[in-house]
PDB file of N, CA and C in Angstrom:
ATOM      1  N   UNK A   1       0.841  -1.152   0.000  1.00  0.00           N
ATOM      2  CA  UNK A   1       0.000   0.000   0.000  1.00  0.00           C
ATOM      3  C   UNK A   1       0.900   1.233   0.000  1.00  0.00           C
ATOM      4  N   UNK A   2       0.594   2.182  -0.858  1.00  0.00           N
ATOM      5  CA  UNK A   2       1.317   3.440  -0.901  1.00  0.00           C
ATOM      6  C   UNK A   2       0.357   4.562  -0.578  1.00  0.00           C
ATOM      7  N   UNK A   3       0.796   5.464   0.252  1.00  0.00           N
ATOM      8  CA  UNK A   3       0.003   6.639   0.595  1.00  0.00           C
ATOM      9  C   UNK A   3       0.742   7.876   0.115  1.00  0.00           C
ATOM     10  N   UNK A   4       0.032   8.769  -0.529  1.00  0.00           N
ATOM     11  CA  UNK A   4       0.610  10.027  -0.989  1.00  0.00           C
ATOM     12  C   UNK A   4      -0.205  11.159  -0.384  1.00  0.00           C
ATOM     13  N   UNK A   5       0.478  12.101   0.202  1.00  0.00           N
ATOM     14  CA  UNK A   5      -0.191  13.233   0.822  1.00  0.00           C
ATOM     15  C   UNK A   5       0.321  14.525   0.206  1.00  0.00           C
ATOM     16  N   UNK A   6      -0.573  15.449  -0.017  1.00  0.00           N
ATOM     17  CA  UNK A   6      -0.190  16.784  -0.437  1.00  0.00           C
ATOM     18  C   UNK A   6      -0.166  17.667   0.803  1.00  0.00           C
ATOM     19  N   UNK A   7       0.921  18.339   0.978  1.00  0.00           N
ATOM     20  CA  UNK A   7       1.063  19.215   2.132  1.00  0.00           C
ATOM     21  C   UNK A   7       1.284  20.632   1.655  1.00  0.00           C
ATOM     22  N   UNK A   8       0.511  21.549   2.137  1.00  0.00           N
ATOM     23  CA  UNK A   8       0.716  22.947   1.750  1.00  0.00           C
ATOM     24  C   UNK A   8       1.582  23.630   2.805  1.00  0.00           C
ATOM     25  N   UNK A   9       2.492  24.433   2.319  1.00  0.00           N
ATOM     26  CA  UNK A   9       3.389  25.177   3.198  1.00  0.00           C
ATOM     27  C   UNK A   9       3.170  26.657   2.955  1.00  0.00           C
ATOM     28  N   UNK A  10       3.323  27.473   3.996  1.00  0.00           N
ATOM     29  CA  UNK A  10       3.164  28.917   3.791  1.00  0.00           C
ATOM     30  C   UNK A  10       4.318  29.455   2.952  1.00  0.00           C
ATOM     31  N   UNK A  11       4.101  30.548   2.222  1.00  0.00           N
ATOM     32  CA  UNK A  11       5.203  31.129   1.459  1.00  0.00           C
ATOM     33  C   UNK A  11       6.325  31.545   2.397  1.00  0.00           C
ATOM     34  N   UNK A  12       7.546  31.301   1.976  1.00  0.00           N
ATOM     35  CA  UNK A  12       8.675  31.659   2.830  1.00  0.00           C
ATOM     36  C   UNK A  12       9.891  31.970   1.981  1.00  0.00           C
ATOM     37  N   UNK A  13      10.815  32.655   2.565  1.00  0.00           N
ATOM     38  CA  UNK A  13      12.097  32.932   1.935  1.00  0.00           C
ATOM     39  C   UNK A  13      13.068  31.903   2.489  1.00  0.00           C
ATOM     40  N   UNK A  14      13.542  31.002   1.649  1.00  0.00           N
ATOM     41  CA  UNK A  14      14.334  29.870   2.127  1.00  0.00           C
ATOM     42  C   UNK A  14      15.653  30.276   2.771  1.00  0.00           C
ATOM     43  N   UNK A  15      16.131  31.465   2.485  1.00  0.00           N
ATOM     44  CA  UNK A  15      17.397  31.904   3.056  1.00  0.00           C
ATOM     45  C   UNK A  15      17.202  32.741   4.316  1.00  0.00           C
ATOM     46  N   UNK A  16      15.997  32.724   4.880  1.00  0.00           N
ATOM     47  CA  UNK A  16      15.723  33.512   6.081  1.00  0.00           C
ATOM     48  C   UNK A  16      15.084  32.635   7.156  1.00  0.00           C
ATOM     49  N   UNK A  17      15.294  33.012   8.404  1.00  0.00           N
ATOM     50  CA  UNK A  17      14.717  32.246   9.510  1.00  0.00           C
ATOM     51  C   UNK A  17      13.291  32.718   9.785  1.00  0.00           C
ATOM     52  N   UNK A  18      12.703  32.244  10.883  1.00  0.00           N
ATOM     53  CA  UNK A  18      11.313  32.569  11.212  1.00  0.00           C
ATOM     54  C   UNK A  18      11.090  34.055  11.475  1.00  0.00           C
ATOM     55  N   UNK A  19      12.138  34.769  11.866  1.00  0.00           N
ATOM     56  CA  UNK A  19      12.015  36.192  12.177  1.00  0.00           C
ATOM     57  C   UNK A  19      12.372  37.079  10.988  1.00  0.00           C
ATOM     58  N   UNK A  20      12.694  36.472   9.836  1.00  0.00           N
ATOM     59  CA  UNK A  20      13.024  37.247   8.651  1.00  0.00           C
ATOM     60  C   UNK A  20      14.492  37.631   8.539  1.00  0.00           C
ATOM     61  N   UNK A  21      15.313  37.129   9.457  1.00  0.00           N
ATOM     62  CA  UNK A  21      16.748  37.439   9.407  1.00  0.00           C
ATOM     63  C   UNK A  21      17.454  36.449   8.492  1.00  0.00           C
ATOM     64  N   UNK A  22      18.518  36.875   7.815  1.00  0.00           N
ATOM     65  CA  UNK A  22      19.268  35.935   6.972  1.00  0.00           C
ATOM     66  C   UNK A  22      19.816  34.783   7.801  1.00  0.00           C
ATOM     67  N   UNK A  23      19.757  33.565   7.245  1.00  0.00           N
ATOM     68  CA  UNK A  23      20.299  32.400   7.940  1.00  0.00           C
ATOM     69  C   UNK A  23      21.816  32.477   7.947  1.00  0.00           C
ATOM     70  N   UNK A  24      22.415  31.952   9.010  1.00  0.00           N
ATOM     71  CA  UNK A  24      23.868  31.982   9.146  1.00  0.00           C
ATOM     72  C   UNK A  24      24.390  30.590   9.482  1.00  0.00           C
ATOM     73  N   UNK A  25      25.676  30.411   9.264  1.00  0.00           N
ATOM     74  CA  UNK A  25      26.350  29.165   9.618  1.00  0.00           C
ATOM     75  C   UNK A  25      27.737  29.523  10.136  1.00  0.00           C
ATOM     76  N   UNK A  26      28.214  28.765  11.106  1.00  0.00           N
ATOM     77  CA  UNK A  26      29.542  28.987  11.668  1.00  0.00           C
ATOM     78  C   UNK A  26      30.545  28.195  10.835  1.00  0.00           C
ATOM     79  N   UNK A  27      31.449  28.904  10.152  1.00  0.00           N
ATOM     80  CA  UNK A  27      32.461  28.264   9.315  1.00  0.00           C
ATOM     81  C   UNK A  27      33.819  28.896   9.604  1.00  0.00           C
ATOM     82  N   UNK A  28      34.799  28.063   9.896  1.00  0.00           N
ATOM     83  CA  UNK A  28      36.138  28.573  10.144  1.00  0.00           C
ATOM     84  C   UNK A  28      36.208  29.522  11.323  1.00  0.00           C
ATOM     85  N   UNK A  29      35.331  29.316  12.292  1.00  0.00           N
ATOM     86  CA  UNK A  29      35.321  30.168  13.478  1.00  0.00           C
ATOM     87  C   UNK A  29      34.636  31.511  13.261  1.00  0.00           C
ATOM     88  N   UNK A  30      34.039  31.711  12.091  1.00  0.00           N
ATOM     89  CA  UNK A  30      33.351  32.976  11.805  1.00  0.00           C
ATOM     90  C   UNK A  30      31.901  32.692  11.420  1.00  0.00           C
ATOM     91  N   UNK A  31      31.026  33.571  11.815  1.00  0.00           N
ATOM     92  CA  UNK A  31      29.615  33.457  11.474  1.00  0.00           C
ATOM     93  C   UNK A  31      29.417  34.031  10.079  1.00  0.00           C
ATOM     94  N   UNK A  32      28.930  33.221   9.139  1.00  0.00           N
ATOM     95  CA  UNK A  32      28.783  33.646   7.745  1.00  0.00           C
ATOM     96  C   UNK A  32      27.338  33.458   7.293  1.00  0.00           C
ATOM     97  N   UNK A  33      26.930  34.253   6.298  1.00  0.00           N
ATOM     98  CA  UNK A  33      25.591  34.103   5.740  1.00  0.00           C
ATOM     99  C   UNK A  33      25.505  32.804   4.956  1.00  0.00           C
ATOM    100  N   UNK A  34      24.375  32.151   5.047  1.00  0.00           N
ATOM    101  CA  UNK A  34      24.173  30.881   4.351  1.00  0.00           C
ATOM    102  C   UNK A  34      23.296  31.111   3.122  1.00  0.00           C
ATOM    103  N   UNK A  35      23.684  30.535   2.007  1.00  0.00           N
ATOM    104  CA  UNK A  35      22.928  30.653   0.763  1.00  0.00           C
ATOM    105  C   UNK A  35      22.518  29.245   0.351  1.00  0.00           C
ATOM    106  N   UNK A  36      21.249  29.057   0.050  1.00  0.00           N
ATOM    107  CA  UNK A  36      20.778  27.729  -0.316  1.00  0.00           C
ATOM    108  C   UNK A  36      21.250  27.352  -1.716  1.00  0.00           C
ATOM    109  N   UNK A  37      21.405  26.060  -1.959  1.00  0.00           N
ATOM    110  CA  UNK A  37      21.795  25.594  -3.288  1.00  0.00           C
ATOM    111  C   UNK A  37      20.699  25.918  -4.294  1.00  0.00           C
ATOM    112  N   UNK A  38      19.447  25.949  -3.845  1.00  0.00           N
ATOM    113  CA  UNK A  38      18.339  26.284  -4.730  1.00  0.00           C
ATOM    114  C   UNK A  38      18.490  27.706  -5.264  1.00  0.00           C
ATOM    115  N   UNK A  39      18.854  28.647  -4.405  1.00  0.00           N
ATOM    116  CA  UNK A  39      19.000  30.025  -4.866  1.00  0.00           C
ATOM    117  C   UNK A  39      20.222  30.180  -5.771  1.00  0.00           C
ATOM    118  N   UNK A  40      21.283  29.423  -5.507  1.00  0.00           N
ATOM    119  CA  UNK A  40      22.451  29.467  -6.389  1.00  0.00           C
ATOM    120  C   UNK A  40      22.109  28.935  -7.778  1.00  0.00           C
ATOM    121  N   UNK A  41      21.403  27.819  -7.831  1.00  0.00           N
ATOM    122  CA  UNK A  41      21.048  27.228  -9.119  1.00  0.00           C
ATOM    123  C   UNK A  41      20.138  28.147  -9.923  1.00  0.00           C
ATOM    124  N   UNK A  42      19.228  28.831  -9.254  1.00  0.00           N
ATOM    125  CA  UNK A  42      18.357  29.773  -9.959  1.00  0.00           C
ATOM    126  C   UNK A  42      19.177  30.926 -10.526  1.00  0.00           C
ATOM    127  N   UNK A  43      20.125  31.425  -9.752  1.00  0.00           N
ATOM    128  CA  UNK A  43      20.983  32.511 -10.227  1.00  0.00           C
ATOM    129  C   UNK A  43      21.776  32.069 -11.459  1.00  0.00           C
ATOM    130  N   UNK A  44      22.268  30.848 -11.445  1.00  0.00           N
ATOM    131  CA  UNK A  44      23.010  30.335 -12.605  1.00  0.00           C
ATOM    132  C   UNK A  44      22.089  30.213 -13.822  1.00  0.00           C
ATOM    133  N   UNK A  45      20.884  29.649 -13.624  1.00  0.00           N
ATOM    134  CA  UNK A  45      19.961  29.448 -14.746  1.00  0.00           C
ATOM    135  C   UNK A  45      19.534  30.753 -15.383  1.00  0.00           C
ATOM    136  N   UNK A  46      19.387  31.802 -14.597  1.00  0.00           N
ATOM    137  CA  UNK A  46      18.893  33.075 -15.111  1.00  0.00           C
ATOM    138  C   UNK A  46      20.006  34.021 -15.533  1.00  0.00           C
ATOM    139  N   UNK A  47      21.257  33.588 -15.457  1.00  0.00           N
ATOM    140  CA  UNK A  47      22.364  34.478 -15.808  1.00  0.00           C
ATOM    141  C   UNK A  47      22.553  34.558 -17.318  1.00  0.00           C
ATOM    142  N   UNK A  48      23.034  35.702 -17.777  1.00  0.00           N
ATOM    143  CA  UNK A  48      23.312  35.898 -19.203  1.00  0.00           C
ATOM    144  C   UNK A  48      24.439  34.985 -19.670  1.00  0.00           C
ATOM    145  N   UNK A  49      25.429  34.759 -18.824  1.00  0.00           N
ATOM    146  CA  UNK A  49      26.565  33.904 -19.184  1.00  0.00           C
ATOM    147  C   UNK A  49      26.086  32.484 -19.464  1.00  0.00           C
ATOM    148  N   UNK A  50      25.186  31.975 -18.626  1.00  0.00           N
ATOM    149  CA  UNK A  50      24.645  30.632 -18.818  1.00  0.00           C
ATOM    150  C   UNK A  50      23.855  30.559 -20.126  1.00  0.00           C
ATOM    151  N   UNK A  51      23.047  31.577 -20.403  1.00  0.00           N
ATOM    152  CA  UNK A  51      22.249  31.592 -21.632  1.00  0.00           C
ATOM    153  C   UNK A  51      23.152  31.608 -22.864  1.00  0.00           C
ATOM    154  N   UNK A  52      24.225  32.397 -22.813  1.00  0.00           N
ATOM    155  CA  UNK A  52      25.160  32.454 -23.942  1.00  0.00           C
ATOM    156  C   UNK A  52      25.870  31.119 -24.134  1.00  0.00           C
ATOM    157  N   UNK A  53      26.292  30.498 -23.045  1.00  0.00           N
ATOM    158  CA  UNK A  53      26.974  29.205 -23.133  1.00  0.00           C
ATOM    159  C   UNK A  53      26.030  28.137 -23.671  1.00  0.00           C
ATOM    160  N   UNK A  54      24.791  28.152 -23.240  1.00  0.00           N
ATOM    161  CA  UNK A  54      23.805  27.191 -23.710  1.00  0.00           C
ATOM    162  C   UNK A  54      23.505  27.413 -25.193  1.00  0.00           C
ATOM    163  N   UNK A  55      23.411  28.647 -25.604  1.00  0.00           N
ATOM    164  CA  UNK A  55      23.168  28.952 -27.018  1.00  0.00           C
ATOM    165  C   UNK A  55      24.347  28.464 -27.867  1.00  0.00           C
ATOM    166  N   UNK A  56      25.563  28.601 -27.353  1.00  0.00           N
ATOM    167  CA  UNK A  56      26.748  28.140 -28.072  1.00  0.00           C
ATOM    168  C   UNK A  56      26.766  26.639 -28.251  1.00  0.00           C
ATOM    169  N   UNK A  57      26.332  25.883 -27.271  1.00  0.00           N
ATOM    170  CA  UNK A  57      26.313  24.421 -27.380  1.00  0.00           C
ATOM    171  C   UNK A  57      25.219  23.966 -28.329  1.00  0.00           C
ATOM    172  N   UNK A  58      24.127  24.685 -28.381  1.00  0.00           N
ATOM    173  CA  UNK A  58      23.042  24.328 -29.305  1.00  0.00           C
ATOM    174  C   UNK A  58      23.456  24.573 -30.752  1.00  0.00           C
ATOM    175  N   UNK A  59      24.185  25.667 -30.994  1.00  0.00           N
ATOM    176  CA  UNK A  59      24.638  25.964 -32.346  1.00  0.00           C
ATOM    177  C   UNK A  59      25.680  24.954 -32.813  1.00  0.00           C
ATOM    178  N   UNK A  60      26.522  24.482 -31.895  1.00  0.00           N
ATOM    179  CA  UNK A  60      27.563  23.519 -32.241  1.00  0.00           C
ATOM    180  C   UNK A  60      26.962  22.172 -32.639  1.00  0.00           C
ATOM    181  N   UNK A  61      25.794  21.834 -32.103  1.00  0.00           N
ATOM    182  CA  UNK A  61      25.144  20.546 -32.402  1.00  0.00           C
ATOM    183  C   UNK A  61      24.431  20.553 -33.748  1.00  0.00           C
ATOM    184  N   UNK A  62      24.180  21.738 -34.313  1.00  0.00           N
ATOM    185  CA  UNK A  62      23.432  21.825 -35.588  1.00  0.00           C
ATOM    186  C   UNK A  62      24.250  21.347 -36.750  1.00  0.00           C
TER     187      UNK A  62
END
């Protein structure tokens, strides 16, 4: 038997905590801002450099 549930979550900013402050992580003895991999991937996908590189690979395949 398999059960599948849909769960709704409130809108949120993934890089912020419950109080709206940027999330942090302790690295190398210093407190640094944390950036999610999801936000990095979106930045890469929407960048002009990525679009140009993708266009170049498509032209090479023709």
